[in-house]
Protein backbone atom coordinates (compact mmCIF):
# COMPACT_ATOMS: atom_id res chain seq x y z
CA MET A 1 0.00 0.00 0.00
CA SER A 2 2.78 2.39 0.94
CA ARG A 3 4.54 1.62 -2.33
CA LYS A 4 1.44 2.51 -4.34
CA TRP A 5 1.11 5.74 -2.41
CA GLY A 6 4.74 6.52 -2.99
CA TRP A 7 4.41 6.09 -6.75
CA GLY A 8 1.22 8.11 -6.84
CA LEU A 9 2.86 10.97 -4.97
CA ALA A 10 5.86 10.93 -7.24
CA LEU A 11 3.69 11.09 -10.35
CA ALA A 12 1.58 13.90 -8.95
CA VAL A 13 4.57 16.16 -8.34
CA PRO A 14 6.51 17.67 -11.26
CA PHE A 15 10.03 16.38 -11.74
CA ALA A 16 12.46 18.10 -9.40
CA ALA A 17 14.25 21.08 -10.89
CA GLN A 18 17.38 20.50 -8.82
CA ALA A 19 19.82 17.62 -8.98
CA GLN A 20 19.69 15.29 -5.99
CA VAL A 21 23.44 15.52 -5.43
CA ASP A 22 25.22 18.86 -5.08
CA LEU A 23 28.46 18.30 -6.95
CA THR A 24 29.74 21.79 -6.21
CA VAL A 25 30.63 20.91 -2.60
CA LEU A 26 32.62 17.75 -3.30
CA ASP A 27 35.85 19.75 -3.27
CA ARG A 28 35.22 21.29 0.16
CA ASP A 29 38.18 19.42 1.70
CA MET A 30 40.45 19.90 -1.29
CA VAL A 31 44.18 19.77 -0.58
CA GLY A 32 46.31 22.40 -2.30
CA PRO A 33 45.50 25.61 -4.18
CA ARG A 34 42.49 25.97 -6.43
CA ALA A 35 42.64 27.07 -10.06
CA GLN A 36 41.80 30.74 -10.53
CA VAL A 37 39.79 31.40 -13.69
CA LEU A 38 39.21 34.90 -15.03
CA VAL A 39 36.73 35.20 -17.90
CA LEU A 40 37.14 38.42 -19.89
CA GLY A 41 34.13 39.32 -21.98
CA THR A 42 35.20 41.20 -25.09
CA VAL A 43 33.83 42.94 -28.13
CA HIS A 44 35.01 41.52 -31.43
CA LEU A 45 37.69 43.99 -32.44
CA SER A 46 37.05 43.39 -36.13
CA GLY A 47 34.05 45.67 -35.68
CA MET A 48 36.01 48.59 -34.24
CA PRO A 49 35.86 51.99 -36.01
CA LYS A 50 38.46 52.80 -38.67
CA GLU A 51 40.31 55.17 -36.35
CA PHE A 52 40.89 52.36 -33.83
CA ASP A 53 44.42 52.46 -32.38
CA PRO A 54 45.59 49.15 -30.81
CA LYS A 55 47.43 51.19 -28.17
CA ALA A 56 44.01 51.95 -26.69
CA LEU A 57 44.08 48.36 -25.41
CA ASP A 58 47.26 48.91 -23.37
CA PRO A 59 45.41 49.81 -20.13
CA VAL A 60 43.35 46.62 -20.50
CA LEU A 61 46.49 44.57 -21.11
CA ASP A 62 48.11 46.10 -18.03
CA LYS A 63 45.18 44.99 -15.86
CA LEU A 64 45.24 41.48 -17.31
CA ALA A 65 49.01 41.21 -16.93
CA ALA A 66 48.65 42.01 -13.23
CA PHE A 67 46.48 38.90 -12.89
CA LYS A 68 49.51 36.90 -14.14
CA PRO A 69 47.75 34.13 -16.06
CA ASP A 70 49.85 31.12 -16.99
CA ILE A 71 47.19 29.76 -19.38
CA ILE A 72 45.21 31.86 -21.86
CA THR A 73 42.26 30.51 -23.85
CA ILE A 74 40.63 32.15 -26.86
CA GLU A 75 37.45 31.93 -28.91
CA ALA A 76 38.99 30.19 -31.90
CA LEU A 77 38.59 26.74 -33.38
CA PRO A 78 41.32 24.22 -32.43
CA GLY A 79 43.32 22.61 -35.20
CA GLU A 80 41.89 19.21 -34.31
CA GLU A 81 38.36 20.40 -35.06
CA CYS A 82 39.51 22.10 -38.27
CA ASP A 83 41.05 18.82 -39.41
CA MET A 84 37.91 16.89 -38.50
CA ALA A 85 35.73 19.35 -40.41
CA ALA A 86 37.99 19.20 -43.45
CA ARG A 87 37.52 15.44 -43.53
CA ASN A 88 33.75 15.80 -43.24
CA GLN A 89 33.00 18.61 -45.69
CA ALA A 90 29.56 17.25 -46.47
CA VAL A 91 28.62 18.05 -42.88
CA TYR A 92 30.62 21.20 -42.13
CA GLY A 93 31.30 22.80 -45.51
CA GLU A 94 34.51 23.58 -47.35
CA ASP A 95 35.54 26.79 -45.58
CA TYR A 96 35.11 25.81 -41.91
CA CYS A 97 38.61 27.06 -40.95
CA SER A 98 41.45 29.03 -42.48
CA SER A 99 43.49 27.19 -45.07
CA THR A 100 46.78 25.61 -44.03
CA LYS A 101 47.96 24.88 -47.59
CA ALA A 102 50.81 27.38 -47.43
CA ALA A 103 51.99 26.04 -44.08
CA LYS A 104 51.75 22.46 -45.31
CA LYS A 105 53.90 23.34 -48.29
CA ALA A 106 56.47 25.08 -46.09
CA THR A 107 56.67 22.38 -43.40
CA GLY A 108 55.52 19.24 -45.19
CA LEU A 109 53.01 18.63 -42.38
CA GLU A 110 49.26 18.28 -42.31
CA ILE A 111 47.38 19.40 -39.20
CA PRO A 112 47.64 16.15 -37.15
CA GLY A 113 51.37 15.83 -37.80
CA ALA A 114 51.94 19.49 -37.05
CA ILE A 115 50.07 19.23 -33.73
CA ALA A 116 52.16 16.23 -32.75
CA GLU A 117 55.35 18.11 -33.66
CA VAL A 118 54.22 21.19 -31.68
CA ASN A 119 53.64 19.05 -28.59
CA LYS A 120 56.98 17.32 -28.99
CA THR A 121 58.78 20.64 -29.43
CA LEU A 122 57.17 22.27 -26.41
CA LYS A 123 58.05 19.34 -24.14
CA ALA A 124 61.72 19.95 -24.87
CA TRP A 125 61.47 23.75 -25.11
CA PRO A 126 64.55 25.49 -23.66
CA ALA A 127 64.47 28.38 -21.21
CA GLN A 128 66.26 30.57 -23.76
CA PRO A 129 65.17 29.49 -27.26
CA THR A 130 67.10 30.70 -30.26
CA PRO A 131 65.45 32.79 -32.98
CA ALA A 132 65.69 29.79 -35.29
CA GLN A 133 63.77 27.68 -32.79
CA ARG A 134 61.05 30.32 -32.51
CA ARG A 135 60.74 30.62 -36.29
CA ARG A 136 60.46 26.86 -36.57
CA LEU A 137 57.78 26.69 -33.87
CA THR A 138 55.93 29.56 -35.54
CA SER A 139 55.76 27.56 -38.76
CA LEU A 140 54.55 24.47 -36.87
CA PHE A 141 51.76 26.41 -35.19
CA LEU A 142 50.66 27.75 -38.57
CA ALA A 143 50.62 24.23 -39.97
CA ALA A 144 48.57 23.14 -36.94
CA ASN A 145 46.01 25.86 -37.76
CA ASP A 146 46.89 27.69 -34.55
CA ARG A 147 47.58 31.18 -35.87
CA SER A 148 47.29 32.92 -32.52
CA SER A 149 49.99 30.75 -30.97
CA ALA A 150 52.16 31.29 -34.04
CA TYR A 151 51.82 35.01 -33.42
CA VAL A 152 52.81 34.53 -29.77
CA GLN A 153 56.12 33.09 -30.97
CA TRP A 154 56.54 35.73 -33.67
CA LEU A 155 56.08 38.58 -31.20
CA GLN A 156 58.83 37.21 -28.98
CA LEU A 157 61.37 37.45 -31.78
CA PRO A 158 63.48 40.60 -32.07
CA SER A 159 62.31 42.68 -35.04
CA ALA A 160 65.42 41.81 -37.05
CA GLU A 161 64.71 38.09 -36.57
CA ARG A 162 61.18 38.24 -37.93
CA ARG A 163 62.27 36.98 -41.31
CA THR A 164 62.13 33.94 -43.55
CA GLY A 165 63.99 30.77 -42.72
CA ASP A 166 63.58 27.75 -40.43
CA GLY A 167 60.18 26.85 -41.87
CA ILE A 168 59.04 30.40 -42.63
CA ASP A 169 58.92 31.05 -46.37
CA ASP A 170 57.54 34.03 -48.30
CA ALA A 171 54.00 32.65 -48.24
CA LEU A 172 54.03 32.27 -44.46
CA MET A 173 55.58 35.71 -44.08
CA ALA A 174 52.55 37.05 -45.94
CA VAL A 175 50.23 35.17 -43.54
CA LEU A 176 52.07 36.63 -40.54
CA LYS A 177 51.83 40.15 -41.94
CA LYS A 178 48.07 39.70 -42.32
CA ILE A 179 47.85 38.52 -38.72
CA GLU A 180 49.87 41.51 -37.58
CA ALA A 181 47.42 43.90 -39.29
CA ASN A 182 44.29 42.03 -38.18
CA ASN A 183 42.08 43.66 -35.55
CA ASN A 184 41.18 40.50 -33.70
CA GLU A 185 41.14 40.10 -29.93
CA ASN A 186 42.94 36.76 -30.27
CA TYR A 187 45.94 38.65 -31.67
CA ARG A 188 45.60 42.14 -30.16
CA ILE A 189 44.89 40.94 -26.62
CA ALA A 190 45.57 37.23 -26.12
CA ALA A 191 48.71 36.75 -28.23
CA LYS A 192 50.19 40.09 -27.24
CA LEU A 193 49.61 39.39 -23.55
CA ALA A 194 50.98 35.85 -23.82
CA ALA A 195 54.15 37.14 -25.47
CA ARG A 196 54.49 39.86 -22.82
CA LEU A 197 54.25 37.24 -20.06
CA GLY A 198 56.68 34.86 -21.76
CA LEU A 199 54.08 32.18 -22.47
CA GLN A 200 54.65 29.93 -25.45
CA ARG A 201 51.11 29.60 -26.72
CA VAL A 202 47.40 30.28 -26.25
CA HIS A 203 44.68 27.63 -26.32
CA ALA A 204 41.87 27.66 -28.87
CA VAL A 205 38.65 26.40 -27.25
CA ASP A 206 35.78 27.29 -29.56
CA ASN A 207 33.50 24.59 -30.91
CA HIS A 208 30.81 24.49 -33.58
CA THR A 209 30.08 20.77 -33.76
CA GLY A 210 27.14 21.13 -31.39
CA ASP A 211 25.43 24.07 -33.10
CA ASN A 212 25.83 22.80 -36.65
CA THR A 213 22.06 22.62 -36.98
CA ASP A 214 20.64 20.02 -39.38
CA LEU A 215 17.39 21.55 -40.62
CA PRO A 216 15.69 21.53 -44.05
CA ASP A 217 15.30 25.33 -44.24
CA ILE A 218 18.31 27.06 -42.74
CA LYS A 219 17.24 30.43 -44.15
CA ALA A 220 13.89 30.30 -42.35
CA PHE A 221 15.71 29.14 -39.22
CA GLY A 222 18.00 32.17 -39.28
CA GLU A 223 15.15 34.57 -40.02
CA SER A 224 13.13 33.23 -37.10
CA ILE A 225 16.02 33.67 -34.67
CA GLN A 226 16.69 37.19 -35.88
CA ALA A 227 13.00 38.02 -35.52
CA ALA A 228 13.12 36.78 -31.93
CA TRP A 229 16.10 38.98 -31.09
CA ASN A 230 14.60 41.98 -32.88
CA SER A 231 11.37 41.67 -30.92
CA GLU A 232 12.94 42.97 -27.72
CA ARG A 233 16.14 44.83 -28.48
CA ALA A 234 15.59 48.38 -27.24
CA GLU A 235 18.00 47.90 -24.34
CA LEU A 236 20.54 46.17 -26.57
CA ASP A 237 20.38 49.02 -29.09
CA ALA A 238 21.03 51.57 -26.34
CA THR A 239 23.95 49.51 -25.03
CA GLU A 240 25.50 49.09 -28.45
CA LYS A 241 25.25 52.86 -28.99
CA ALA A 242 27.04 53.45 -25.67
CA HIS A 243 29.71 50.90 -26.62
CA ALA A 244 30.25 52.66 -29.95
CA GLU A 245 31.02 55.88 -28.10
CA LEU A 246 33.33 54.15 -25.62
CA SER A 247 35.14 52.51 -28.55
CA LYS A 248 36.32 55.94 -29.71
CA GLN A 249 38.16 56.79 -26.49
CA LYS A 250 41.95 56.77 -26.20
CA SER A 251 41.67 54.05 -23.57
CA LEU A 252 39.37 51.05 -24.02
CA LEU A 253 39.46 50.22 -20.31
CA PRO A 254 36.09 51.96 -19.67
CA LEU A 255 34.59 49.97 -22.55
CA TYR A 256 35.80 46.68 -21.07
CA GLN A 257 34.65 47.69 -17.61
CA HIS A 258 31.14 48.27 -18.95
CA ILE A 259 31.12 45.12 -21.06
CA ASN A 260 32.00 43.01 -18.03
CA SER A 261 29.54 44.65 -15.63
CA PRO A 262 26.83 42.36 -14.18
CA GLN A 263 24.12 44.61 -15.61
CA ASN A 264 25.44 44.34 -19.16
CA LEU A 265 25.97 40.59 -18.91
CA GLN A 266 22.44 40.07 -17.58
CA MET A 267 21.05 42.06 -20.50
CA LEU A 268 23.07 40.05 -23.03
CA ALA A 269 22.01 36.73 -21.54
CA GLU A 270 18.33 37.67 -21.58
CA ASN A 271 18.55 39.09 -25.10
CA ASN A 272 20.23 35.94 -26.35
CA VAL A 273 18.12 33.29 -24.66
CA SER A 274 15.05 34.67 -22.88
CA THR A 275 13.73 36.39 -25.99
CA ALA A 276 14.29 33.22 -28.03
CA MET A 277 12.62 30.92 -25.51
CA ARG A 278 9.42 32.96 -25.43
CA PHE A 279 9.24 33.74 -29.15
CA PRO A 280 6.48 31.82 -31.01
CA SER A 281 7.57 29.63 -33.89
CA PRO A 282 5.65 26.65 -35.34
CA GLN A 283 8.95 24.85 -35.91
CA HIS A 284 10.38 25.98 -32.52
CA TYR A 285 13.38 27.43 -34.35
CA PRO A 286 14.48 29.90 -31.65
CA GLN A 287 14.34 27.18 -29.00
CA ILE A 288 16.40 24.90 -31.25
CA TRP A 289 18.96 27.70 -31.55
CA VAL A 290 19.18 27.92 -27.74
CA ALA A 291 19.92 24.18 -27.59
CA GLY A 292 22.80 24.68 -30.03
CA TRP A 293 24.02 27.75 -28.12
CA GLU A 294 24.11 25.83 -24.86
CA THR A 295 25.82 22.84 -26.48
CA ARG A 296 28.48 25.12 -27.93
CA ASN A 297 29.12 26.75 -24.57
CA LEU A 298 29.27 23.40 -22.78
CA ARG A 299 31.88 22.11 -25.20
CA MET A 300 33.87 25.33 -24.97
CA VAL A 301 33.86 25.09 -21.17
CA ALA A 302 35.04 21.48 -21.44
CA ASN A 303 37.88 22.60 -23.71
CA ILE A 304 38.89 25.27 -21.19
CA ARG A 305 38.88 22.68 -18.42
CA ALA A 306 41.09 20.41 -20.52
CA ALA A 307 43.57 23.27 -21.02
CA PHE A 308 44.45 23.23 -17.32
CA ARG A 309 43.65 19.59 -16.57
CA GLU A 310 47.24 18.88 -15.51
CA ARG A 311 47.55 22.23 -13.69
CA PRO A 312 45.21 22.20 -10.66
CA ASP A 313 46.79 25.44 -9.40
CA ALA A 314 46.61 27.26 -12.75
CA ARG A 315 45.77 30.91 -13.23
CA VAL A 316 43.60 30.89 -16.33
CA LEU A 317 42.47 33.81 -18.46
CA SER A 318 39.66 32.98 -20.88
CA ILE A 319 38.99 35.66 -23.50
CA VAL A 320 35.64 35.29 -25.20
CA GLY A 321 32.83 37.29 -26.77
CA ALA A 322 30.90 38.90 -23.93
CA SER A 323 27.68 37.00 -24.72
CA HIS A 324 29.41 33.76 -23.66
CA LYS A 325 30.73 35.05 -20.33
CA PRO A 326 27.63 34.34 -18.18
CA TRP A 327 27.68 30.69 -19.24
CA PHE A 328 31.45 30.41 -18.74
CA ASP A 329 31.31 31.94 -15.27
CA SER A 330 28.40 29.74 -14.21
CA TRP A 331 29.60 26.41 -15.55
CA LEU A 332 33.33 26.83 -14.89
CA GLY A 333 32.43 27.90 -11.35
CA GLN A 334 30.71 24.56 -10.75
CA LEU A 335 33.84 22.55 -11.51
CA SER A 336 35.80 20.95 -8.69
CA GLY A 337 38.82 22.93 -7.54
CA VAL A 338 37.93 26.00 -9.63
CA GLU A 339 37.30 29.53 -8.40
CA ILE A 340 35.96 32.28 -10.67
CA VAL A 341 37.82 35.57 -10.40
CA ASP A 342 35.77 38.78 -10.29
CA THR A 343 36.48 40.46 -13.64
CA GLU A 344 35.12 43.79 -12.39
CA GLN A 345 37.72 43.84 -9.63
CA VAL A 346 40.56 42.97 -12.00
CA LEU A 347 39.59 45.78 -14.37
CA LYS A 348 39.19 48.45 -11.67
């Protein structure tokens, strides 16, 4: 009788919203230091005004350098995923990642071989590498489709040593010059900071395997999502206007302080997801987009975790588009032995 009552009660009550085991407290008696993870929300610098001067980022770089990260992650696709996509073009398309043809010609290596050679080289990396060693590692990173890490090595070369040789040919010199002129936060912030701190690389953690939506009408899918976002964007429009003004200042520190404020992050999260979840669509397109968005963020967070898997005491800086930051902070903060650093305090 009691069993019947128990089942009846269980069926009458909605499924519990909370997990039965709180995994966040399992590290309460942890021995040793915890990893410190700082998530920097950023604008995509490719959209900066024409008069943008990279020196405006120096105050931001100074604040980040004071945090002293020993691992930096970026919103870029890892070489492994690029190689996988290239071998599955029917699923991911032909232009999923930048081409590595020039680097393959210069080094003789495809992406998997280049990644293996990078790992081998870094394991035996000397405290004082020669310019030839840095040029060689630069070429290997380019062949591994890790342009940001290649730029980290390139920046640590004296100007006179940034030349061809040791795996760098004229074609790769042209690639490096394009990188140098590219307004991208992976180069302007992450690579520059890594070189300044004497790090040898950054870690690409983006992922698009989970949001590669398989639907019969992708155009209608995109239009439905855009309609959802446009339905409630007054606050976003005002914020973007304010950001445009802050982008013109000689220092971008105020811009980054505003971007990483709790109020701005709350607005971005609601604009991204809340508007989509309540937007009507016969095919449930906006809700499908949210599923892909969450899958992407979950896999990115897993990639970040893997970047400091062997470093339980790591100081990690994760640089990502500001819309991702709420998910990164929340999910990384649930991991055992991980503490989230207050970005507002770092940028003060």
